[in-house]
Amino acid sequence: MEINWVVVGWIIDMILNGFMWLVIAVLGLSLIDVTDKWIRKSLKLMEKVDLWIRDFIELSIEWILKKNLKILSSIILIIIFGILSQLGIIPKIIS
């Protein structure tokens, strides 16, 4: 009985290919888990910074209104709205 080396090679290739895909899946899942933790931490940091910026802007506007500085408040609002429109936040709020 003669050995069909094509079939043997095909079976070995399937086994090695399956093993490599298993290794790739394990590495990929562990990498996804690590990056998921990093993304969660960065989102928490972004939320803290966002709240800090909102509080700062609110307190600055209240201070400007309390001091009755209309020209300064107009300039600051123009700058804030310009930054928000460049970042694309204002169209999201409007629509």
C-alpha atoms as a PDB file:
ATOM      1  CA  MET A   1       0.000   0.000   0.000  1.00  0.00           C
ATOM      2  CA  GLU A   2       1.418   3.306  -1.063  1.00  0.00           C
ATOM      3  CA  ILE A   3       1.067   6.476   1.075  1.00  0.00           C
ATOM      4  CA  ASN A   4      -0.707   9.340  -0.614  1.00  0.00           C
ATOM      5  CA  TRP A   5       1.629  12.184   0.372  1.00  0.00           C
ATOM      6  CA  VAL A   6      -0.723  14.820  -0.991  1.00  0.00           C
ATOM      7  CA  VAL A   7      -3.424  13.782   1.468  1.00  0.00           C
ATOM      8  CA  VAL A   8      -0.910  13.513   4.327  1.00  0.00           C
ATOM      9  CA  GLY A   9       0.419  16.982   3.518  1.00  0.00           C
ATOM     10  CA  TRP A  10      -3.131  18.332   3.323  1.00  0.00           C
ATOM     11  CA  ILE A  11      -4.002  16.879   6.751  1.00  0.00           C
ATOM     12  CA  ILE A  12      -0.793  18.218   8.321  1.00  0.00           C
ATOM     13  CA  ASP A  13      -1.472  21.613   6.750  1.00  0.00           C
ATOM     14  CA  MET A  14      -5.023  21.650   8.147  1.00  0.00           C
ATOM     15  CA  ILE A  15      -3.816  20.746  11.649  1.00  0.00           C
ATOM     16  CA  LEU A  16      -1.038  23.349  11.653  1.00  0.00           C
ATOM     17  CA  ASN A  17      -3.322  25.973  10.136  1.00  0.00           C
ATOM     18  CA  GLY A  18      -5.978  25.309  12.774  1.00  0.00           C
ATOM     19  CA  PHE A  19      -3.373  25.538  15.532  1.00  0.00           C
ATOM     20  CA  MET A  20      -2.050  28.838  14.176  1.00  0.00           C
ATOM     21  CA  TRP A  21      -5.578  30.282  13.979  1.00  0.00           C
ATOM     22  CA  LEU A  22      -6.117  29.198  17.582  1.00  0.00           C
ATOM     23  CA  VAL A  23      -2.931  31.005  18.630  1.00  0.00           C
ATOM     24  CA  ILE A  24      -3.944  34.087  16.641  1.00  0.00           C
ATOM     25  CA  ALA A  25      -7.425  34.055  18.229  1.00  0.00           C
ATOM     26  CA  VAL A  26      -5.995  33.770  21.760  1.00  0.00           C
ATOM     27  CA  LEU A  27      -3.534  36.621  21.140  1.00  0.00           C
ATOM     28  CA  GLY A  28      -6.231  38.717  19.486  1.00  0.00           C
ATOM     29  CA  LEU A  29      -8.686  38.236  22.342  1.00  0.00           C
ATOM     30  CA  SER A  30      -6.068  39.104  24.948  1.00  0.00           C
ATOM     31  CA  LEU A  31      -5.097  42.198  22.967  1.00  0.00           C
ATOM     32  CA  ILE A  32      -8.758  43.218  22.696  1.00  0.00           C
ATOM     33  CA  ASP A  33      -9.152  42.764  26.451  1.00  0.00           C
ATOM     34  CA  VAL A  34      -6.147  44.994  27.190  1.00  0.00           C
ATOM     35  CA  THR A  35      -7.202  47.704  24.750  1.00  0.00           C
ATOM     36  CA  ASP A  36     -10.759  47.551  26.100  1.00  0.00           C
ATOM     37  CA  LYS A  37      -9.426  48.376  29.565  1.00  0.00           C
ATOM     38  CA  TRP A  38      -7.363  51.253  28.124  1.00  0.00           C
ATOM     39  CA  ILE A  39     -10.376  52.590  26.228  1.00  0.00           C
ATOM     40  CA  ARG A  40     -12.544  52.467  29.375  1.00  0.00           C
ATOM     41  CA  LYS A  41      -9.882  54.367  31.352  1.00  0.00           C
ATOM     42  CA  SER A  42      -9.496  56.975  28.620  1.00  0.00           C
ATOM     43  CA  LEU A  43     -13.274  57.448  28.397  1.00  0.00           C
ATOM     44  CA  LYS A  44     -13.471  57.983  32.156  1.00  0.00           C
ATOM     45  CA  LEU A  45     -10.653  60.536  31.899  1.00  0.00           C
ATOM     46  CA  MET A  46     -12.367  62.269  28.968  1.00  0.00           C
ATOM     47  CA  GLU A  47     -15.592  62.456  30.983  1.00  0.00           C
ATOM     48  CA  LYS A  48     -13.757  64.055  33.929  1.00  0.00           C
ATOM     49  CA  VAL A  49     -12.041  66.572  31.651  1.00  0.00           C
ATOM     50  CA  ASP A  50     -15.336  67.330  29.877  1.00  0.00           C
ATOM     51  CA  LEU A  51     -17.086  68.014  33.177  1.00  0.00           C
ATOM     52  CA  TRP A  52     -14.167  70.180  34.331  1.00  0.00           C
ATOM     53  CA  ILE A  53     -14.240  72.214  31.110  1.00  0.00           C
ATOM     54  CA  ARG A  54     -18.019  72.660  31.335  1.00  0.00           C
ATOM     55  CA  ASP A  55     -17.748  73.832  34.960  1.00  0.00           C
ATOM     56  CA  PHE A  56     -14.906  76.186  34.063  1.00  0.00           C
ATOM     57  CA  ILE A  57     -16.819  77.717  31.151  1.00  0.00           C
ATOM     58  CA  GLU A  58     -19.965  78.057  33.256  1.00  0.00           C
ATOM     59  CA  LEU A  59     -18.106  79.736  36.115  1.00  0.00           C
ATOM     60  CA  SER A  60     -16.262  82.060  33.712  1.00  0.00           C
ATOM     61  CA  ILE A  61     -19.472  83.124  32.029  1.00  0.00           C
ATOM     62  CA  GLU A  62     -21.142  83.709  35.401  1.00  0.00           C
ATOM     63  CA  TRP A  63     -18.139  85.780  36.537  1.00  0.00           C
ATOM     64  CA  ILE A  64     -18.218  87.835  33.330  1.00  0.00           C
ATOM     65  CA  LEU A  65     -21.951  88.438  33.668  1.00  0.00           C
ATOM     66  CA  LYS A  66     -21.577  89.341  37.342  1.00  0.00           C
ATOM     67  CA  LYS A  67     -18.860  91.881  36.495  1.00  0.00           C
ATOM     68  CA  ASN A  68     -20.978  93.151  33.579  1.00  0.00           C
ATOM     69  CA  LEU A  69     -18.154  92.803  31.041  1.00  0.00           C
ATOM     70  CA  LYS A  70     -20.166  92.619  27.844  1.00  0.00           C
ATOM     71  CA  ILE A  71     -17.298  93.095  25.375  1.00  0.00           C
ATOM     72  CA  LEU A  72     -15.144  90.460  27.066  1.00  0.00           C
ATOM     73  CA  SER A  73     -18.079  88.041  27.255  1.00  0.00           C
ATOM     74  CA  SER A  74     -18.798  88.574  23.556  1.00  0.00           C
ATOM     75  CA  ILE A  75     -15.175  87.845  22.596  1.00  0.00           C
ATOM     76  CA  ILE A  76     -15.022  84.749  24.795  1.00  0.00           C
ATOM     77  CA  LEU A  77     -18.310  83.419  23.430  1.00  0.00           C
ATOM     78  CA  ILE A  78     -17.106  83.966  19.854  1.00  0.00           C
ATOM     79  CA  ILE A  79     -13.927  82.024  20.646  1.00  0.00           C
ATOM     80  CA  ILE A  80     -15.857  79.217  22.375  1.00  0.00           C
ATOM     81  CA  PHE A  81     -18.394  78.915  19.560  1.00  0.00           C
ATOM     82  CA  GLY A  82     -15.585  78.998  16.986  1.00  0.00           C
ATOM     83  CA  ILE A  83     -13.781  76.134  18.717  1.00  0.00           C
ATOM     84  CA  LEU A  84     -16.998  74.144  19.062  1.00  0.00           C
ATOM     85  CA  SER A  85     -17.859  74.615  15.409  1.00  0.00           C
ATOM     86  CA  GLN A  86     -14.330  73.587  14.342  1.00  0.00           C
ATOM     87  CA  LEU A  87     -14.652  70.428  16.415  1.00  0.00           C
ATOM     88  CA  GLY A  88     -18.049  69.773  14.877  1.00  0.00           C
ATOM     89  CA  ILE A  89     -19.931  69.799  18.185  1.00  0.00           C
ATOM     90  CA  ILE A  90     -22.323  72.650  17.361  1.00  0.00           C
ATOM     91  CA  PRO A  91     -23.832  70.954  14.279  1.00  0.00           C
ATOM     92  CA  LYS A  92     -24.441  67.856  16.448  1.00  0.00           C
ATOM     93  CA  ILE A  93     -26.248  69.974  19.018  1.00  0.00           C
ATOM     94  CA  ILE A  94     -28.350  71.759  16.400  1.00  0.00           C
ATOM     95  CA  SER A  95     -29.290  68.640  14.423  1.00  0.00           C
END
